[in-house]
């Protein structure tokens, strides 16, 4: 879902109506990726 939101923001020259911006969305995706790496290394 986040990827679709970021794609929509990028297709709309970075303008958003009700969002914290593209940087925040990328940061959330990076946080999920790091969390996944940590969880997979624990198993």
C-alpha atoms as a PDB file:
ATOM      1  CA  UNK A   1       0.000   0.000   0.000  1.00  0.00           C
ATOM      2  CA  UNK A   2       2.830   2.400   0.830  1.00  0.00           C
ATOM      3  CA  UNK A   3       4.444   1.716  -2.539  1.00  0.00           C
ATOM      4  CA  UNK A   4       1.242   2.672  -4.321  1.00  0.00           C
ATOM      5  CA  UNK A   5       1.004   5.870  -2.235  1.00  0.00           C
ATOM      6  CA  UNK A   6       4.612   6.823  -3.048  1.00  0.00           C
ATOM      7  CA  UNK A   7       4.037   6.104  -6.731  1.00  0.00           C
ATOM      8  CA  UNK A   8       1.014   8.386  -6.661  1.00  0.00           C
ATOM      9  CA  UNK A   9       3.008  11.178  -5.012  1.00  0.00           C
ATOM     10  CA  UNK A  10       5.828  10.809  -7.537  1.00  0.00           C
ATOM     11  CA  UNK A  11       3.353  10.917 -10.436  1.00  0.00           C
ATOM     12  CA  UNK A  12       1.921  14.144  -9.019  1.00  0.00           C
ATOM     13  CA  UNK A  13       5.242  16.131  -8.983  1.00  0.00           C
ATOM     14  CA  UNK A  14       5.678  15.592  -5.229  1.00  0.00           C
ATOM     15  CA  UNK A  15       2.530  17.497  -4.289  1.00  0.00           C
ATOM     16  CA  UNK A  16       0.252  15.988  -1.668  1.00  0.00           C
ATOM     17  CA  UNK A  17      -3.089  17.077  -0.289  1.00  0.00           C
ATOM     18  CA  UNK A  18      -3.266  15.185   3.008  1.00  0.00           C
ATOM     19  CA  UNK A  19       0.078  13.501   3.554  1.00  0.00           C
ATOM     20  CA  UNK A  20       3.288  13.988   5.459  1.00  0.00           C
ATOM     21  CA  UNK A  21       5.223  13.852   2.200  1.00  0.00           C
ATOM     22  CA  UNK A  22       7.248  11.432   0.187  1.00  0.00           C
ATOM     23  CA  UNK A  23      10.251  11.431   2.538  1.00  0.00           C
ATOM     24  CA  UNK A  24       8.186  10.172   5.437  1.00  0.00           C
ATOM     25  CA  UNK A  25       6.725   7.396   3.300  1.00  0.00           C
ATOM     26  CA  UNK A  26      10.207   6.257   2.239  1.00  0.00           C
ATOM     27  CA  UNK A  27      11.319   6.333   5.883  1.00  0.00           C
ATOM     28  CA  UNK A  28       8.403   4.094   6.917  1.00  0.00           C
ATOM     29  CA  UNK A  29       9.313   1.578   4.196  1.00  0.00           C
ATOM     30  CA  UNK A  30      12.959   1.570   5.323  1.00  0.00           C
ATOM     31  CA  UNK A  31      11.862   1.006   8.923  1.00  0.00           C
ATOM     32  CA  UNK A  32       9.731  -1.980   7.856  1.00  0.00           C
ATOM     33  CA  UNK A  33      12.640  -3.428   5.880  1.00  0.00           C
ATOM     34  CA  UNK A  34      15.049  -3.101   8.816  1.00  0.00           C
ATOM     35  CA  UNK A  35      12.488  -4.633  11.180  1.00  0.00           C
ATOM     36  CA  UNK A  36      12.030  -7.562   8.792  1.00  0.00           C
ATOM     37  CA  UNK A  37      15.808  -8.117   8.587  1.00  0.00           C
ATOM     38  CA  UNK A  38      16.086  -8.110  12.379  1.00  0.00           C
ATOM     39  CA  UNK A  39      13.194 -10.539  12.800  1.00  0.00           C
ATOM     40  CA  UNK A  40      14.531 -12.910  10.123  1.00  0.00           C
ATOM     41  CA  UNK A  41      18.006 -12.947  11.684  1.00  0.00           C
ATOM     42  CA  UNK A  42      16.524 -13.971  15.054  1.00  0.00           C
ATOM     43  CA  UNK A  43      15.022 -17.161  13.666  1.00  0.00           C
END
